[in-house]
Amino acid sequence: MSGIDEPILVDVPEQIDTDRLLIRPPRPGDGASINIAVRESFDQLKPWMPWAQEIPSAAQSEIFARESAARFARREDLPLLLFERGTEQLIGASGLHRIDWSVPSFEVGYWCRSSCVGRGYIGEAVRAICRMAFTSLSARRFEARMDNANERSWRVVERLGFTLEGILRGDTRGPSGEIRDTRVYSIVTLDELR
């Protein structure tokens, strides 16, 4: 397949199920769950996430949920929320970003609610999202980028079989304005995924 000319016509699964997770795009009404999880995790998110520099209001989280749903519908960005099966508690978020439909290639992003860190939820989610990207969206490249100092984040993709392509030195500023390095990992065939 040579790229996708009209992304709006791409059928993206509306839900991905794993053993422990229900993964789906944000919807109107998700703001309250997002707000609770971000507030709980704020201190752990702030060093890494530019969007987590101020604690959001409930209204701001609802606006985020609705705008994310609209971006997903337009196929501009594919944000995803991670819910624990059975409890429906929001575990965190992920999604496919920096999309280049001409390849197609996707960058995965993720964060986990503080009380759920260390249980393997993010690895489970990234594995399922990667499979979906290759099987449903004809991905030819699936990458992850993260701050070189965020070892917990890059260990996730290393365990999944991603290849470290390099470390971009001094390529970005952290949330506090300091210059940082970025690790770039990728998978280009589903056979690489563990």
N, C-alpha and C. Protein backbone atom coordinates (compact mmCIF):
# COMPACT_ATOMS: atom_id res chain seq x y z
N MET A 1 0.85 -1.19 0.00
CA MET A 1 0.00 0.00 0.00
C MET A 1 0.89 1.23 0.00
N SER A 2 0.54 2.21 -0.80
CA SER A 2 1.34 3.44 -0.89
C SER A 2 0.76 4.53 -0.02
N GLY A 3 0.67 4.83 0.95
CA GLY A 3 0.12 5.95 1.68
C GLY A 3 -1.39 6.08 1.57
N ILE A 4 -1.92 6.96 2.33
CA ILE A 4 -3.36 7.16 2.41
C ILE A 4 -3.65 8.58 1.98
N ASP A 5 -4.47 8.69 0.91
CA ASP A 5 -4.78 10.01 0.35
C ASP A 5 -5.83 10.78 1.16
N GLU A 6 -6.81 10.09 1.68
CA GLU A 6 -7.91 10.72 2.41
C GLU A 6 -8.04 10.12 3.80
N PRO A 7 -7.27 10.59 4.77
CA PRO A 7 -7.30 9.99 6.11
C PRO A 7 -8.69 9.95 6.75
N ILE A 8 -9.53 10.91 6.43
CA ILE A 8 -10.87 10.94 7.01
C ILE A 8 -11.66 9.68 6.68
N LEU A 9 -11.27 9.00 5.59
CA LEU A 9 -11.95 7.78 5.18
C LEU A 9 -11.38 6.52 5.83
N VAL A 10 -10.31 6.66 6.60
CA VAL A 10 -9.70 5.50 7.25
C VAL A 10 -10.57 5.04 8.41
N ASP A 11 -10.89 3.76 8.41
CA ASP A 11 -11.64 3.18 9.52
C ASP A 11 -10.67 2.80 10.63
N VAL A 12 -10.70 3.58 11.69
CA VAL A 12 -9.85 3.33 12.86
C VAL A 12 -10.73 2.63 13.89
N PRO A 13 -10.26 1.52 14.44
CA PRO A 13 -11.09 0.83 15.46
C PRO A 13 -11.47 1.79 16.58
N GLU A 14 -12.71 1.75 16.96
CA GLU A 14 -13.21 2.62 18.03
C GLU A 14 -12.89 2.09 19.42
N GLN A 15 -12.39 0.85 19.48
CA GLN A 15 -12.04 0.27 20.77
C GLN A 15 -11.04 -0.85 20.55
N ILE A 16 -10.09 -0.94 21.45
CA ILE A 16 -9.12 -2.04 21.47
C ILE A 16 -9.26 -2.69 22.84
N ASP A 17 -9.42 -4.00 22.84
CA ASP A 17 -9.54 -4.74 24.10
C ASP A 17 -8.29 -5.57 24.33
N THR A 18 -7.76 -5.52 25.55
CA THR A 18 -6.66 -6.39 25.95
C THR A 18 -7.16 -7.18 27.16
N ASP A 19 -6.30 -7.99 27.72
CA ASP A 19 -6.71 -8.78 28.89
C ASP A 19 -7.22 -7.90 30.02
N ARG A 20 -6.55 -6.75 30.24
CA ARG A 20 -6.90 -5.91 31.38
C ARG A 20 -7.42 -4.54 31.03
N LEU A 21 -7.33 -4.16 29.76
CA LEU A 21 -7.65 -2.79 29.39
C LEU A 21 -8.71 -2.69 28.30
N LEU A 22 -9.45 -1.60 28.36
CA LEU A 22 -10.33 -1.16 27.29
C LEU A 22 -9.72 0.16 26.82
N ILE A 23 -9.33 0.22 25.56
CA ILE A 23 -8.64 1.38 25.00
C ILE A 23 -9.55 2.00 23.96
N ARG A 24 -9.85 3.29 24.15
CA ARG A 24 -10.76 3.96 23.21
C ARG A 24 -10.47 5.45 23.15
N PRO A 25 -10.97 6.11 22.08
CA PRO A 25 -10.77 7.57 22.00
C PRO A 25 -11.58 8.29 23.08
N PRO A 26 -11.15 9.49 23.44
CA PRO A 26 -11.93 10.29 24.38
C PRO A 26 -13.30 10.62 23.81
N ARG A 27 -14.26 10.83 24.72
CA ARG A 27 -15.62 11.19 24.36
C ARG A 27 -16.07 12.35 25.25
N PRO A 28 -17.09 13.09 24.80
CA PRO A 28 -17.68 14.07 25.71
C PRO A 28 -18.10 13.36 27.00
N GLY A 29 -17.80 13.97 28.11
CA GLY A 29 -18.11 13.38 29.40
C GLY A 29 -16.91 12.72 30.07
N ASP A 30 -15.81 12.51 29.34
CA ASP A 30 -14.62 11.89 29.92
C ASP A 30 -13.78 12.86 30.73
N GLY A 31 -14.09 14.14 30.67
CA GLY A 31 -13.28 15.14 31.35
C GLY A 31 -13.11 14.90 32.83
N ALA A 32 -14.15 14.45 33.52
CA ALA A 32 -14.05 14.24 34.97
C ALA A 32 -13.03 13.16 35.29
N SER A 33 -13.06 12.05 34.57
CA SER A 33 -12.09 10.97 34.81
C SER A 33 -10.67 11.41 34.48
N ILE A 34 -10.53 12.15 33.39
CA ILE A 34 -9.21 12.65 33.00
C ILE A 34 -8.68 13.59 34.08
N ASN A 35 -9.53 14.47 34.56
CA ASN A 35 -9.12 15.45 35.56
C ASN A 35 -8.65 14.77 36.84
N ILE A 36 -9.37 13.78 37.31
CA ILE A 36 -8.99 13.07 38.53
C ILE A 36 -7.63 12.40 38.36
N ALA A 37 -7.43 11.72 37.21
CA ALA A 37 -6.16 11.01 36.97
C ALA A 37 -4.99 11.98 36.83
N VAL A 38 -5.19 13.10 36.13
CA VAL A 38 -4.12 14.08 35.96
C VAL A 38 -3.79 14.73 37.30
N ARG A 39 -4.79 15.07 38.08
CA ARG A 39 -4.54 15.68 39.40
C ARG A 39 -3.73 14.73 40.29
N GLU A 40 -4.12 13.45 40.28
CA GLU A 40 -3.41 12.45 41.09
C GLU A 40 -1.95 12.33 40.64
N SER A 41 -1.71 12.45 39.36
CA SER A 41 -0.41 12.16 38.77
C SER A 41 0.41 13.40 38.44
N PHE A 42 -0.10 14.56 38.80
CA PHE A 42 0.49 15.82 38.37
C PHE A 42 1.99 15.92 38.66
N ASP A 43 2.41 15.59 39.88
CA ASP A 43 3.82 15.74 40.24
C ASP A 43 4.73 14.83 39.40
N GLN A 44 4.22 13.66 39.00
CA GLN A 44 5.01 12.74 38.17
C GLN A 44 4.99 13.14 36.70
N LEU A 45 3.94 13.81 36.24
CA LEU A 45 3.82 14.22 34.85
C LEU A 45 4.57 15.52 34.55
N LYS A 46 4.60 16.41 35.53
CA LYS A 46 5.13 17.76 35.30
C LYS A 46 6.55 17.79 34.74
N PRO A 47 7.49 16.94 35.19
CA PRO A 47 8.85 17.02 34.63
C PRO A 47 8.96 16.63 33.16
N TRP A 48 7.98 15.89 32.64
CA TRP A 48 8.10 15.32 31.30
C TRP A 48 7.10 15.86 30.29
N MET A 49 5.94 16.25 30.72
CA MET A 49 4.85 16.60 29.81
C MET A 49 4.63 18.11 29.75
N PRO A 50 4.85 18.72 28.59
CA PRO A 50 4.63 20.17 28.47
C PRO A 50 3.20 20.58 28.82
N TRP A 51 2.24 19.71 28.58
CA TRP A 51 0.85 20.04 28.85
C TRP A 51 0.50 19.94 30.35
N ALA A 52 1.41 19.40 31.16
CA ALA A 52 1.13 19.20 32.59
C ALA A 52 1.92 20.19 33.45
N GLN A 53 1.81 21.45 33.14
CA GLN A 53 2.54 22.46 33.91
C GLN A 53 1.65 23.19 34.90
N GLU A 54 0.35 23.08 34.71
CA GLU A 54 -0.63 23.63 35.66
C GLU A 54 -1.74 22.62 35.84
N ILE A 55 -2.23 22.50 37.04
CA ILE A 55 -3.32 21.56 37.29
C ILE A 55 -4.56 22.07 36.57
N PRO A 56 -5.16 21.24 35.71
CA PRO A 56 -6.32 21.70 34.94
C PRO A 56 -7.58 21.75 35.79
N SER A 57 -8.49 22.63 35.41
CA SER A 57 -9.82 22.65 36.03
C SER A 57 -10.64 21.51 35.42
N ALA A 58 -11.75 21.20 36.02
CA ALA A 58 -12.65 20.18 35.47
C ALA A 58 -13.13 20.59 34.08
N ALA A 59 -13.40 21.87 33.89
CA ALA A 59 -13.85 22.37 32.59
C ALA A 59 -12.74 22.22 31.53
N GLN A 60 -11.50 22.52 31.90
CA GLN A 60 -10.40 22.37 30.96
C GLN A 60 -10.22 20.91 30.54
N SER A 61 -10.40 19.99 31.47
CA SER A 61 -10.28 18.57 31.14
C SER A 61 -11.41 18.13 30.22
N GLU A 62 -12.60 18.66 30.42
CA GLU A 62 -13.72 18.32 29.54
C GLU A 62 -13.49 18.91 28.14
N ILE A 63 -12.98 20.12 28.08
CA ILE A 63 -12.64 20.72 26.77
C ILE A 63 -11.61 19.85 26.06
N PHE A 64 -10.59 19.40 26.80
CA PHE A 64 -9.59 18.51 26.22
C PHE A 64 -10.24 17.25 25.66
N ALA A 65 -11.14 16.63 26.42
CA ALA A 65 -11.80 15.41 25.96
C ALA A 65 -12.58 15.66 24.67
N ARG A 66 -13.31 16.75 24.61
CA ARG A 66 -14.12 17.04 23.42
C ARG A 66 -13.25 17.41 22.21
N GLU A 67 -12.20 18.20 22.44
CA GLU A 67 -11.31 18.54 21.33
C GLU A 67 -10.56 17.31 20.83
N SER A 68 -10.19 16.43 21.74
CA SER A 68 -9.51 15.19 21.35
C SER A 68 -10.42 14.30 20.53
N ALA A 69 -11.68 14.23 20.93
CA ALA A 69 -12.66 13.43 20.16
C ALA A 69 -12.79 13.99 18.74
N ALA A 70 -12.79 15.30 18.61
CA ALA A 70 -12.91 15.92 17.28
C ALA A 70 -11.66 15.65 16.44
N ARG A 71 -10.47 15.75 17.03
CA ARG A 71 -9.23 15.45 16.28
C ARG A 71 -9.21 13.99 15.84
N PHE A 72 -9.68 13.10 16.70
CA PHE A 72 -9.75 11.68 16.35
C PHE A 72 -10.70 11.49 15.16
N ALA A 73 -11.86 12.11 15.22
CA ALA A 73 -12.84 11.98 14.12
C ALA A 73 -12.29 12.49 12.80
N ARG A 74 -11.48 13.55 12.85
CA ARG A 74 -10.89 14.11 11.63
C ARG A 74 -9.61 13.39 11.21
N ARG A 75 -9.13 12.44 12.06
CA ARG A 75 -7.91 11.65 11.81
C ARG A 75 -6.66 12.52 11.80
N GLU A 76 -6.73 13.67 12.49
CA GLU A 76 -5.56 14.55 12.62
C GLU A 76 -4.61 14.04 13.69
N ASP A 77 -5.16 13.41 14.69
CA ASP A 77 -4.45 12.87 15.83
C ASP A 77 -5.34 11.75 16.34
N LEU A 78 -4.75 10.72 16.93
CA LEU A 78 -5.57 9.60 17.40
C LEU A 78 -5.33 9.38 18.89
N PRO A 79 -5.85 10.30 19.73
CA PRO A 79 -5.69 10.15 21.18
C PRO A 79 -6.52 8.98 21.69
N LEU A 80 -6.00 8.31 22.72
CA LEU A 80 -6.68 7.14 23.28
C LEU A 80 -6.61 7.19 24.80
N LEU A 81 -7.68 6.75 25.43
CA LEU A 81 -7.72 6.63 26.89
C LEU A 81 -7.66 5.15 27.25
N LEU A 82 -7.04 4.87 28.38
CA LEU A 82 -6.85 3.49 28.85
C LEU A 82 -7.69 3.29 30.10
N PHE A 83 -8.64 2.37 30.03
CA PHE A 83 -9.51 2.08 31.18
C PHE A 83 -9.29 0.64 31.63
N GLU A 84 -9.28 0.45 32.94
CA GLU A 84 -9.17 -0.90 33.48
C GLU A 84 -10.49 -1.63 33.27
N ARG A 85 -10.41 -2.82 32.69
CA ARG A 85 -11.62 -3.62 32.45
C ARG A 85 -12.24 -3.99 33.80
N GLY A 86 -13.53 -3.92 33.87
CA GLY A 86 -14.23 -4.27 35.10
C GLY A 86 -14.49 -3.09 36.00
N THR A 87 -13.46 -2.28 36.29
CA THR A 87 -13.66 -1.13 37.17
C THR A 87 -13.96 0.14 36.38
N GLU A 88 -13.54 0.18 35.12
CA GLU A 88 -13.66 1.35 34.24
C GLU A 88 -12.87 2.55 34.76
N GLN A 89 -11.92 2.31 35.67
CA GLN A 89 -11.05 3.38 36.16
C GLN A 89 -10.10 3.79 35.04
N LEU A 90 -9.91 5.11 34.87
CA LEU A 90 -8.95 5.61 33.89
C LEU A 90 -7.54 5.32 34.41
N ILE A 91 -6.78 4.54 33.64
CA ILE A 91 -5.43 4.15 34.01
C ILE A 91 -4.42 5.16 33.49
N GLY A 92 -4.72 5.75 32.33
CA GLY A 92 -3.81 6.70 31.72
C GLY A 92 -4.26 7.00 30.30
N ALA A 93 -3.32 7.44 29.49
CA ALA A 93 -3.65 7.80 28.12
C ALA A 93 -2.50 7.43 27.20
N SER A 94 -2.83 7.30 25.95
CA SER A 94 -1.85 6.99 24.92
C SER A 94 -2.37 7.61 23.64
N GLY A 95 -1.93 7.10 22.54
CA GLY A 95 -2.45 7.58 21.27
C GLY A 95 -1.38 7.59 20.21
N LEU A 96 -1.83 7.85 19.00
CA LEU A 96 -0.96 7.93 17.84
C LEU A 96 -0.90 9.38 17.41
N HIS A 97 0.32 9.92 17.42
CA HIS A 97 0.52 11.35 17.17
C HIS A 97 1.54 11.53 16.05
N ARG A 98 1.75 12.78 15.66
CA ARG A 98 2.69 13.10 14.58
C ARG A 98 2.47 12.14 13.40
N ILE A 99 1.25 12.04 12.99
CA ILE A 99 0.86 11.09 11.94
C ILE A 99 1.31 11.59 10.57
N ASP A 100 1.88 10.70 9.80
CA ASP A 100 2.18 10.97 8.39
C ASP A 100 1.46 9.89 7.60
N TRP A 101 0.29 10.23 7.11
CA TRP A 101 -0.54 9.25 6.40
C TRP A 101 0.08 8.84 5.07
N SER A 102 1.04 9.61 4.55
CA SER A 102 1.65 9.25 3.27
C SER A 102 2.56 8.03 3.40
N VAL A 103 2.99 7.69 4.62
CA VAL A 103 3.88 6.53 4.79
C VAL A 103 3.08 5.23 4.94
N PRO A 104 2.18 5.04 5.84
CA PRO A 104 1.80 5.76 7.06
C PRO A 104 2.77 5.48 8.22
N SER A 105 3.01 6.54 9.01
CA SER A 105 3.83 6.40 10.22
C SER A 105 3.14 7.12 11.38
N PHE A 106 3.45 6.64 12.56
CA PHE A 106 2.79 7.13 13.77
C PHE A 106 3.80 7.19 14.91
N GLU A 107 3.62 8.17 15.78
CA GLU A 107 4.39 8.22 17.02
C GLU A 107 3.44 7.90 18.16
N VAL A 108 3.83 6.98 19.02
CA VAL A 108 3.02 6.64 20.18
C VAL A 108 3.48 7.48 21.36
N GLY A 109 2.52 7.94 22.13
CA GLY A 109 2.79 8.64 23.37
C GLY A 109 2.02 7.94 24.47
N TYR A 110 2.42 8.15 25.72
CA TYR A 110 1.70 7.48 26.81
C TYR A 110 2.05 8.10 28.15
N TRP A 111 1.13 7.96 29.08
CA TRP A 111 1.38 8.28 30.48
C TRP A 111 0.46 7.40 31.32
N CYS A 112 0.88 7.14 32.54
CA CYS A 112 0.14 6.26 33.43
C CYS A 112 -0.20 6.98 34.72
N ARG A 113 -1.40 6.76 35.18
CA ARG A 113 -1.84 7.29 36.47
C ARG A 113 -0.88 6.80 37.57
N SER A 114 -0.50 7.68 38.46
CA SER A 114 0.51 7.36 39.48
C SER A 114 0.20 6.10 40.28
N SER A 115 -1.05 5.92 40.67
CA SER A 115 -1.40 4.76 41.49
C SER A 115 -1.37 3.45 40.71
N CYS A 116 -1.18 3.51 39.40
CA CYS A 116 -1.18 2.31 38.56
C CYS A 116 0.18 2.01 37.95
N VAL A 117 1.17 2.84 38.23
CA VAL A 117 2.52 2.66 37.68
C VAL A 117 3.12 1.35 38.20
N GLY A 118 3.88 0.68 37.33
CA GLY A 118 4.58 -0.52 37.73
C GLY A 118 3.79 -1.80 37.59
N ARG A 119 2.61 -1.74 37.00
CA ARG A 119 1.76 -2.93 36.85
C ARG A 119 1.73 -3.47 35.42
N GLY A 120 2.50 -2.84 34.53
CA GLY A 120 2.56 -3.32 33.15
C GLY A 120 1.44 -2.84 32.24
N TYR A 121 0.61 -1.91 32.72
CA TYR A 121 -0.50 -1.43 31.90
C TYR A 121 -0.02 -0.72 30.63
N ILE A 122 1.01 0.10 30.75
CA ILE A 122 1.46 0.87 29.59
C ILE A 122 2.06 -0.06 28.54
N GLY A 123 2.86 -1.02 28.93
CA GLY A 123 3.39 -1.98 27.97
C GLY A 123 2.28 -2.74 27.27
N GLU A 124 1.28 -3.15 28.02
CA GLU A 124 0.12 -3.86 27.45
C GLU A 124 -0.61 -2.97 26.44
N ALA A 125 -0.78 -1.71 26.79
CA ALA A 125 -1.48 -0.78 25.89
C ALA A 125 -0.67 -0.50 24.64
N VAL A 126 0.62 -0.19 24.79
CA VAL A 126 1.45 0.14 23.63
C VAL A 126 1.53 -1.06 22.68
N ARG A 127 1.66 -2.27 23.21
CA ARG A 127 1.69 -3.47 22.37
C ARG A 127 0.40 -3.57 21.55
N ALA A 128 -0.74 -3.38 22.19
CA ALA A 128 -2.03 -3.49 21.49
C ALA A 128 -2.21 -2.38 20.46
N ILE A 129 -1.80 -1.17 20.80
CA ILE A 129 -1.94 -0.04 19.86
C ILE A 129 -1.01 -0.24 18.67
N CYS A 130 0.19 -0.74 18.92
CA CYS A 130 1.13 -1.02 17.83
C CYS A 130 0.56 -2.07 16.88
N ARG A 131 0.02 -3.14 17.43
CA ARG A 131 -0.61 -4.18 16.59
C ARG A 131 -1.73 -3.58 15.75
N MET A 132 -2.57 -2.77 16.38
CA MET A 132 -3.66 -2.14 15.65
C MET A 132 -3.14 -1.26 14.52
N ALA A 133 -2.07 -0.50 14.78
CA ALA A 133 -1.53 0.40 13.76
C ALA A 133 -1.04 -0.39 12.54
N PHE A 134 -0.36 -1.50 12.77
CA PHE A 134 0.13 -2.30 11.64
C PHE A 134 -0.98 -3.07 10.93
N THR A 135 -1.92 -3.62 11.69
CA THR A 135 -2.95 -4.46 11.06
C THR A 135 -4.13 -3.67 10.51
N SER A 136 -4.52 -2.60 11.17
CA SER A 136 -5.71 -1.85 10.73
C SER A 136 -5.38 -0.58 9.95
N LEU A 137 -4.22 0.01 10.21
CA LEU A 137 -3.88 1.30 9.60
C LEU A 137 -2.72 1.19 8.60
N SER A 138 -2.28 -0.03 8.32
CA SER A 138 -1.19 -0.28 7.36
C SER A 138 0.09 0.48 7.70
N ALA A 139 0.39 0.59 8.99
CA ALA A 139 1.60 1.31 9.42
C ALA A 139 2.84 0.70 8.78
N ARG A 140 3.78 1.56 8.46
CA ARG A 140 5.09 1.15 7.97
C ARG A 140 6.18 1.59 8.95
N ARG A 141 5.78 2.48 9.87
CA ARG A 141 6.71 2.94 10.91
C ARG A 141 5.90 3.31 12.14
N PHE A 142 6.38 2.85 13.29
CA PHE A 142 5.74 3.11 14.57
C PHE A 142 6.87 3.53 15.50
N GLU A 143 6.84 4.78 15.95
CA GLU A 143 7.96 5.25 16.74
C GLU A 143 7.53 5.79 18.09
N ALA A 144 8.52 5.88 18.97
CA ALA A 144 8.34 6.47 20.30
C ALA A 144 9.50 7.42 20.54
N ARG A 145 9.18 8.59 21.04
CA ARG A 145 10.19 9.59 21.39
C ARG A 145 9.96 9.98 22.84
N MET A 146 11.05 10.08 23.57
CA MET A 146 10.93 10.51 24.96
C MET A 146 12.23 11.13 25.43
N ASP A 147 12.12 11.90 26.48
CA ASP A 147 13.28 12.54 27.09
C ASP A 147 14.28 11.47 27.49
N ASN A 148 15.53 11.69 27.17
CA ASN A 148 16.59 10.74 27.49
C ASN A 148 16.65 10.44 28.99
N ALA A 149 16.29 11.40 29.82
CA ALA A 149 16.34 11.21 31.27
C ALA A 149 15.13 10.45 31.81
N ASN A 150 14.12 10.22 30.99
CA ASN A 150 12.90 9.55 31.45
C ASN A 150 13.05 8.04 31.25
N GLU A 151 13.88 7.44 32.07
CA GLU A 151 14.21 6.02 31.91
C GLU A 151 12.98 5.12 32.01
N ARG A 152 12.07 5.41 32.91
CA ARG A 152 10.87 4.57 33.05
C ARG A 152 10.12 4.50 31.71
N SER A 153 10.06 5.61 31.01
CA SER A 153 9.36 5.65 29.73
C SER A 153 10.09 4.86 28.65
N TRP A 154 11.41 5.04 28.53
CA TRP A 154 12.10 4.33 27.45
C TRP A 154 12.28 2.86 27.74
N ARG A 155 12.23 2.45 28.99
CA ARG A 155 12.30 1.02 29.31
C ARG A 155 11.06 0.28 28.78
N VAL A 156 9.92 0.95 28.75
CA VAL A 156 8.69 0.33 28.23
C VAL A 156 8.90 -0.15 26.80
N VAL A 157 9.37 0.74 25.92
CA VAL A 157 9.51 0.36 24.52
C VAL A 157 10.68 -0.59 24.30
N GLU A 158 11.71 -0.50 25.11
CA GLU A 158 12.80 -1.47 24.99
C GLU A 158 12.31 -2.88 25.29
N ARG A 159 11.47 -3.03 26.32
CA ARG A 159 10.92 -4.35 26.64
C ARG A 159 10.05 -4.89 25.52
N LEU A 160 9.45 -4.00 24.73
CA LEU A 160 8.57 -4.41 23.64
C LEU A 160 9.31 -4.69 22.33
N GLY A 161 10.62 -4.50 22.32
CA GLY A 161 11.40 -4.81 21.12
C GLY A 161 11.68 -3.65 20.19
N PHE A 162 11.35 -2.44 20.59
CA PHE A 162 11.65 -1.27 19.75
C PHE A 162 13.16 -1.11 19.63
N THR A 163 13.62 -0.62 18.50
CA THR A 163 15.03 -0.37 18.25
C THR A 163 15.35 1.09 18.54
N LEU A 164 16.39 1.31 19.33
CA LEU A 164 16.85 2.67 19.57
C LEU A 164 17.57 3.14 18.31
N GLU A 165 17.02 4.15 17.65
CA GLU A 165 17.63 4.68 16.43
C GLU A 165 18.68 5.73 16.73
N GLY A 166 18.54 6.38 17.87
CA GLY A 166 19.52 7.39 18.22
C GLY A 166 19.03 8.31 19.32
N ILE A 167 19.94 9.11 19.78
CA ILE A 167 19.62 10.12 20.78
C ILE A 167 19.89 11.47 20.14
N LEU A 168 18.85 12.27 20.02
CA LEU A 168 18.97 13.61 19.45
C LEU A 168 19.46 14.53 20.56
N ARG A 169 20.66 15.01 20.41
CA ARG A 169 21.28 15.81 21.47
C ARG A 169 20.81 17.26 21.39
N GLY A 170 20.39 17.77 22.53
CA GLY A 170 20.01 19.18 22.63
C GLY A 170 18.93 19.60 21.65
N ASP A 171 17.97 18.72 21.39
CA ASP A 171 16.98 19.00 20.34
C ASP A 171 15.69 19.62 20.85
N THR A 172 15.51 19.69 22.15
CA THR A 172 14.24 20.21 22.67
C THR A 172 14.47 20.90 24.01
N ARG A 173 13.47 21.64 24.41
CA ARG A 173 13.50 22.25 25.75
C ARG A 173 12.50 21.52 26.62
N GLY A 174 12.90 21.27 27.84
CA GLY A 174 12.00 20.67 28.82
C GLY A 174 10.97 21.68 29.27
N PRO A 175 10.00 21.23 30.03
CA PRO A 175 8.95 22.14 30.51
C PRO A 175 9.47 23.35 31.29
N SER A 176 10.64 23.20 31.93
CA SER A 176 11.22 24.31 32.69
C SER A 176 12.15 25.18 31.85
N GLY A 177 12.27 24.85 30.55
CA GLY A 177 13.09 25.65 29.66
C GLY A 177 14.50 25.14 29.42
N GLU A 178 14.90 24.10 30.14
CA GLU A 178 16.25 23.56 29.98
C GLU A 178 16.36 22.75 28.68
N ILE A 179 17.56 22.73 28.10
CA ILE A 179 17.81 21.96 26.89
C ILE A 179 17.90 20.48 27.26
N ARG A 180 17.24 19.64 26.47
CA ARG A 180 17.22 18.20 26.75
C ARG A 180 17.50 17.39 25.49
N ASP A 181 17.85 16.13 25.73
CA ASP A 181 18.08 15.16 24.66
C ASP A 181 16.84 14.27 24.52
N THR A 182 16.61 13.78 23.30
CA THR A 182 15.45 12.94 23.02
C THR A 182 15.90 11.60 22.47
N ARG A 183 15.37 10.52 23.03
CA ARG A 183 15.59 9.18 22.49
C ARG A 183 14.52 8.91 21.43
N VAL A 184 14.93 8.29 20.32
CA VAL A 184 14.01 7.93 19.25
C VAL A 184 14.09 6.41 19.05
N TYR A 185 12.96 5.74 19.21
CA TYR A 185 12.84 4.30 19.02
C TYR A 185 11.84 4.04 17.90
N SER A 186 11.97 2.87 17.26
CA SER A 186 10.97 2.53 16.24
C SER A 186 10.81 1.02 16.09
N ILE A 187 9.70 0.70 15.47
CA ILE A 187 9.41 -0.64 14.95
C ILE A 187 8.93 -0.42 13.54
N VAL A 188 9.45 -1.18 12.59
CA VAL A 188 9.03 -1.02 11.19
C VAL A 188 8.32 -2.25 10.65
N THR A 189 8.32 -3.34 11.41
CA THR A 189 7.50 -4.51 11.06
C THR A 189 6.92 -5.07 12.35
N LEU A 190 5.77 -5.64 12.26
CA LEU A 190 5.12 -6.21 13.43
C LEU A 190 5.92 -7.37 14.02
N ASP A 191 6.75 -8.01 13.20
CA ASP A 191 7.58 -9.12 13.69
C ASP A 191 8.55 -8.68 14.77
N GLU A 192 8.90 -7.42 14.82
CA GLU A 192 9.84 -6.92 15.83
C GLU A 192 9.21 -6.83 17.22
N LEU A 193 7.89 -6.73 17.28
CA LEU A 193 7.19 -6.50 18.54
C LEU A 193 7.24 -7.74 19.42
N ARG A 194 7.61 -7.54 20.68
CA ARG A 194 7.61 -8.65 21.65
C ARG A 194 6.33 -8.63 22.47
